[in-house]
C-alpha atoms as a PDB file:
ATOM      1  CA  MET A   1      35.412 -12.009  -8.882  1.00  0.00           C
ATOM      2  CA  THR A   2      33.229 -12.209  -6.567  1.00  0.00           C
ATOM      3  CA  ASN A   3      29.265 -11.537  -7.580  1.00  0.00           C
ATOM      4  CA  THR A   4      27.343  -9.330  -4.721  1.00  0.00           C
ATOM      5  CA  LYS A   5      23.384  -9.201  -5.106  1.00  0.00           C
ATOM      6  CA  ALA A   6      21.465  -6.696  -3.782  1.00  0.00           C
ATOM      7  CA  SER A   7      17.656  -6.228  -3.748  1.00  0.00           C
ATOM      8  CA  LEU A   8      16.077  -2.176  -3.601  1.00  0.00           C
ATOM      9  CA  ALA A   9      11.521  -2.680  -2.535  1.00  0.00           C
ATOM     10  CA  TYR A  10      10.129   0.382  -2.357  1.00  0.00           C
ATOM     11  CA  GLY A  11       6.532   0.231  -2.359  1.00  0.00           C
ATOM     12  CA  ASP A  12       5.263  -2.172  -5.325  1.00  0.00           C
ATOM     13  CA  PHE A  13       8.492  -1.077  -6.770  1.00  0.00           C
ATOM     14  CA  LYS A  14      11.376  -3.979  -6.630  1.00  0.00           C
ATOM     15  CA  LEU A  15      14.979  -3.529  -8.142  1.00  0.00           C
ATOM     16  CA  ASP A  16      17.255  -6.471  -8.047  1.00  0.00           C
ATOM     17  CA  LEU A  17      21.319  -6.254  -8.844  1.00  0.00           C
ATOM     18  CA  GLU A  18      23.998  -8.349  -9.351  1.00  0.00           C
ATOM     19  CA  GLY A  19      27.334  -7.559 -10.116  1.00  0.00           C
ATOM     20  CA  PRO A  20      30.788  -6.763  -8.934  1.00  0.00           C
ATOM     21  CA  GLU A  21      30.086  -4.953  -5.670  1.00  0.00           C
ATOM     22  CA  ASP A  22      31.701  -1.770  -6.568  1.00  0.00           C
ATOM     23  CA  PHE A  23      29.252  -1.871  -9.564  1.00  0.00           C
ATOM     24  CA  VAL A  24      26.104  -2.731  -6.806  1.00  0.00           C
ATOM     25  CA  THR A  25      27.728  -0.505  -4.049  1.00  0.00           C
ATOM     26  CA  ALA A  26      27.988   2.914  -6.783  1.00  0.00           C
ATOM     27  CA  GLN A  27      24.133   1.939  -8.057  1.00  0.00           C
ATOM     28  CA  LEU A  28      22.142   1.343  -4.811  1.00  0.00           C
ATOM     29  CA  ALA A  29      23.869   5.010  -3.718  1.00  0.00           C
ATOM     30  CA  GLU A  30      22.658   6.356  -6.907  1.00  0.00           C
ATOM     31  CA  TRP A  31      19.031   4.668  -6.358  1.00  0.00           C
ATOM     32  CA  ARG A  32      19.546   6.000  -2.968  1.00  0.00           C
ATOM     33  CA  ALA A  33      20.311   9.751  -3.307  1.00  0.00           C
ATOM     34  CA  GLN A  34      16.785   9.631  -5.720  1.00  0.00           C
ATOM     35  CA  MET A  35      14.655   8.225  -3.631  1.00  0.00           C
ATOM     36  CA  PRO A  36      13.932   9.017   0.200  1.00  0.00           C
ATOM     37  CA  LEU A  37      14.555   5.879   2.331  1.00  0.00           C
ATOM     38  CA  ARG A  38      11.759   5.721   4.603  1.00  0.00           C
ATOM     39  CA  GLY A  39      10.255   2.406   3.973  1.00  0.00           C
ATOM     40  CA  ILE A  40      12.361   1.023   1.460  1.00  0.00           C
ATOM     41  CA  GLY A  41      13.451  -2.263   1.982  1.00  0.00           C
ATOM     42  CA  LEU A  42      16.851  -3.478   1.244  1.00  0.00           C
ATOM     43  CA  LYS A  43      18.917  -6.613   1.286  1.00  0.00           C
ATOM     44  CA  ILE A  44      22.600  -7.025   0.116  1.00  0.00           C
ATOM     45  CA  GLY A  45      24.249  -9.876  -0.275  1.00  0.00           C
ATOM     46  CA  ALA A  46      23.958 -13.717  -0.862  1.00  0.00           C
ATOM     47  CA  ASP A  47      20.662 -13.542   0.893  1.00  0.00           C
ATOM     48  CA  ALA A  48      19.457 -10.770  -0.898  1.00  0.00           C
ATOM     49  CA  ASP A  49      16.214 -12.282  -2.355  1.00  0.00           C
ATOM     50  CA  LYS A  50      15.151 -12.749   1.509  1.00  0.00           C
ATOM     51  CA  GLN A  51      13.894  -9.860   3.122  1.00  0.00           C
ATOM     52  CA  SER A  52      12.228  -9.552   6.400  1.00  0.00           C
ATOM     53  CA  ALA A  53      10.665  -6.840   8.686  1.00  0.00           C
ATOM     54  CA  ASN A  54      14.532  -6.042  10.088  1.00  0.00           C
ATOM     55  CA  ASP A  55      15.495  -5.631   7.277  1.00  0.00           C
ATOM     56  CA  ARG A  56      14.055  -2.318   6.693  1.00  0.00           C
ATOM     57  CA  ILE A  57      16.168   1.065   6.518  1.00  0.00           C
ATOM     58  CA  ASP A  58      15.064   4.254   8.504  1.00  0.00           C
ATOM     59  CA  GLY A  59      16.530   7.536   7.170  1.00  0.00           C
ATOM     60  CA  GLU A  60      20.457   6.879   8.370  1.00  0.00           C
ATOM     61  CA  GLY A  61      20.426   3.324   7.308  1.00  0.00           C
ATOM     62  CA  THR A  62      19.155   1.874  10.848  1.00  0.00           C
ATOM     63  CA  ALA A  63      16.279  -0.298  11.670  1.00  0.00           C
ATOM     64  CA  PRO A  64      13.263   1.535  12.499  1.00  0.00           C
ATOM     65  CA  ALA A  65      12.299   2.205  15.803  1.00  0.00           C
ATOM     66  CA  GLU A  66       9.452  -0.074  16.727  1.00  0.00           C
ATOM     67  CA  LYS A  67       6.214   2.215  17.246  1.00  0.00           C
ATOM     68  CA  LYS A  68       5.154   3.255  20.452  1.00  0.00           C
ATOM     69  CA  GLN A  69       1.548   2.966  22.278  1.00  0.00           C
ATOM     70  CA  ARG A  70      -0.200   6.066  22.862  1.00  0.00           C
ATOM     71  CA  LYS A  71      -1.147   6.041  26.632  1.00  0.00           C
ATOM     72  CA  VAL A  72      -4.510   7.742  26.570  1.00  0.00           C
ATOM     73  CA  VAL A  73      -5.210   9.525  29.408  1.00  0.00           C
ATOM     74  CA  LYS A  74      -8.937  10.051  30.532  1.00  0.00           C
ATOM     75  CA  THR A  75      -9.069  13.056  31.801  1.00  0.00           C
ATOM     76  CA  GLY A  76     -12.262  13.542  32.817  1.00  0.00           C
ATOM     77  CA  GLY A  77     -15.054  12.245  35.220  1.00  0.00           C
ATOM     78  CA  PRO A  78     -17.769   9.763  34.187  1.00  0.00           C
ATOM     79  CA  SER A  79     -18.426   8.607  31.002  1.00  0.00           C
ATOM     80  CA  CYS A  80     -22.004  10.349  29.584  1.00  0.00           C
ATOM     81  CA  GLY A  81     -22.544   6.948  29.007  1.00  0.00           C
ATOM     82  CA  SER A  82     -22.424   6.521  33.001  1.00  0.00           C
ATOM     83  CA  ARG A  83     -24.104   9.505  33.527  1.00  0.00           C
ATOM     84  CA  ILE A  84     -27.392   8.533  31.399  1.00  0.00           C
ATOM     85  CA  ARG A  85     -27.439   5.427  33.094  1.00  0.00           C
ATOM     86  CA  THR A  86     -28.017   7.348  36.313  1.00  0.00           C
ATOM     87  CA  LEU A  87     -30.707   8.904  34.896  1.00  0.00           C
ATOM     88  CA  ILE A  88     -32.527   5.786  34.192  1.00  0.00           C
ATOM     89  CA  GLU A  89     -31.038   5.177  38.308  1.00  0.00           C
ATOM     90  CA  GLU A  90     -33.556   8.298  39.058  1.00  0.00           C
ATOM     91  CA  SER A  91     -36.049   7.312  36.991  1.00  0.00           C
ATOM     92  CA  PHE A  92     -35.353  10.339  34.573  1.00  0.00           C
ATOM     93  CA  PHE A  93     -37.032   7.814  31.793  1.00  0.00           C
ATOM     94  CA  THR A  94     -40.352   7.062  33.042  1.00  0.00           C
ATOM     95  CA  THR A  95     -42.331   9.478  30.544  1.00  0.00           C
ATOM     96  CA  PRO A  96     -40.099   9.391  26.913  1.00  0.00           C
ATOM     97  CA  LYS A  97     -37.306  11.721  26.289  1.00  0.00           C
ATOM     98  CA  THR A  98     -35.607  13.019  23.427  1.00  0.00           C
ATOM     99  CA  ALA A  99     -31.835  13.378  22.724  1.00  0.00           C
ATOM    100  CA  GLY A 100     -32.623  17.077  23.003  1.00  0.00           C
ATOM    101  CA  GLN A 101     -34.068  17.036  26.928  1.00  0.00           C
ATOM    102  CA  ILE A 102     -31.179  14.352  27.773  1.00  0.00           C
ATOM    103  CA  GLY A 103     -28.800  17.394  26.801  1.00  0.00           C
ATOM    104  CA  ASP A 104     -30.630  19.571  28.810  1.00  0.00           C
ATOM    105  CA  ARG A 105     -30.780  17.059  31.408  1.00  0.00           C
ATOM    106  CA  LEU A 106     -27.238  16.484  32.151  1.00  0.00           C
ATOM    107  CA  ARG A 107     -26.240  20.215  31.394  1.00  0.00           C
ATOM    108  CA  GLU A 108     -29.030  20.699  34.225  1.00  0.00           C
ATOM    109  CA  LYS A 109     -26.560  18.450  36.677  1.00  0.00           C
ATOM    110  CA  ALA A 110     -23.087  20.429  34.922  1.00  0.00           C
ATOM    111  CA  THR A 111     -22.051  17.851  32.573  1.00  0.00           C
ATOM    112  CA  PRO A 112     -22.672  18.914  29.028  1.00  0.00           C
ATOM    113  CA  TYR A 113     -21.697  16.549  26.363  1.00  0.00           C
ATOM    114  CA  GLU A 114     -21.898  17.205  22.703  1.00  0.00           C
ATOM    115  CA  ARG A 115     -25.131  15.928  21.234  1.00  0.00           C
ATOM    116  CA  LYS A 116     -23.094  13.372  19.309  1.00  0.00           C
ATOM    117  CA  ASN A 117     -21.668  11.601  22.432  1.00  0.00           C
ATOM    118  CA  ILE A 118     -25.329  11.485  23.954  1.00  0.00           C
ATOM    119  CA  ALA A 119     -26.414   9.664  20.918  1.00  0.00           C
ATOM    120  CA  ALA A 120     -23.836   7.172  20.678  1.00  0.00           C
ATOM    121  CA  ALA A 121     -24.218   6.912  24.446  1.00  0.00           C
ATOM    122  CA  VAL A 122     -28.219   6.538  24.470  1.00  0.00           C
ATOM    123  CA  ILE A 123     -28.000   3.537  21.551  1.00  0.00           C
ATOM    124  CA  HIS A 124     -25.586   1.736  23.353  1.00  0.00           C
ATOM    125  CA  THR A 125     -27.862   1.481  26.287  1.00  0.00           C
ATOM    126  CA  VAL A 126     -31.351   1.156  23.989  1.00  0.00           C
ATOM    127  CA  GLN A 127     -28.685  -1.867  22.025  1.00  0.00           C
ATOM    128  CA  ALA A 128     -27.733  -3.276  26.201  1.00  0.00           C
ATOM    129  CA  GLY A 129     -32.001  -2.856  27.226  1.00  0.00           C
ATOM    130  CA  GLN A 130     -31.149  -0.644  29.454  1.00  0.00           C
ATOM    131  CA  LEU A 131     -33.905   1.922  27.371  1.00  0.00           C
ATOM    132  CA  ARG A 132     -36.561   1.052  24.851  1.00  0.00           C
ATOM    133  CA  ARG A 133     -36.380   3.938  21.932  1.00  0.00           C
ATOM    134  CA  VAL A 134     -40.207   4.971  19.972  1.00  0.00           C
ATOM    135  CA  LYS A 135     -40.441   6.996  17.819  1.00  0.00           C
ATOM    136  CA  ALA A 136     -43.311   9.688  18.448  1.00  0.00           C
ATOM    137  CA  ASP A 137     -44.569  12.589  15.964  1.00  0.00           C
ATOM    138  CA  GLY A 138     -41.619  11.824  14.174  1.00  0.00           C
ATOM    139  CA  VAL A 139     -38.886  11.754  16.605  1.00  0.00           C
ATOM    140  CA  TRP A 140     -37.106   9.313  18.417  1.00  0.00           C
ATOM    141  CA  THR A 141     -37.996   9.495  21.905  1.00  0.00           C
ATOM    142  CA  TYR A 142     -36.051   7.202  25.159  1.00  0.00           C
ATOM    143  CA  VAL A 143     -38.206   5.500  27.858  1.00  0.00           C
ATOM    144  CA  ASN A 144     -37.357   2.912  30.056  1.00  0.00           C
ATOM    145  CA  PRO A 145     -38.399  -0.432  28.670  1.00  0.00           C
END
């Protein structure tokens, strides 16, 4: 009688079986009934100790489909950063401006952004050397370099 090997992996748990084929098959069926199959690595036969990513079973015992890349669709116009760079070109930052004043100016131009987006975009322009950050009366202001 020929022995069959099976190796079952689930997270940190690993089960190695060896014995007659009907015994191994019955044990695997019992374990499968008690565990969800997603993410279980299963290898049966002579190469039971060698498991690759292709040996993972998913749901019905088929190889999992590769994850599809999500397509990012840009729905709006120019980014907040590009709008701030436009304000730089329009000489808006000749005098120091607070993040609130920048937001107000963008709203005047019918391009409102959340405060967190404005703050991130302004920081990026400071890091790029397009604006300078100065603390005045405990509040950060932004001005042309």
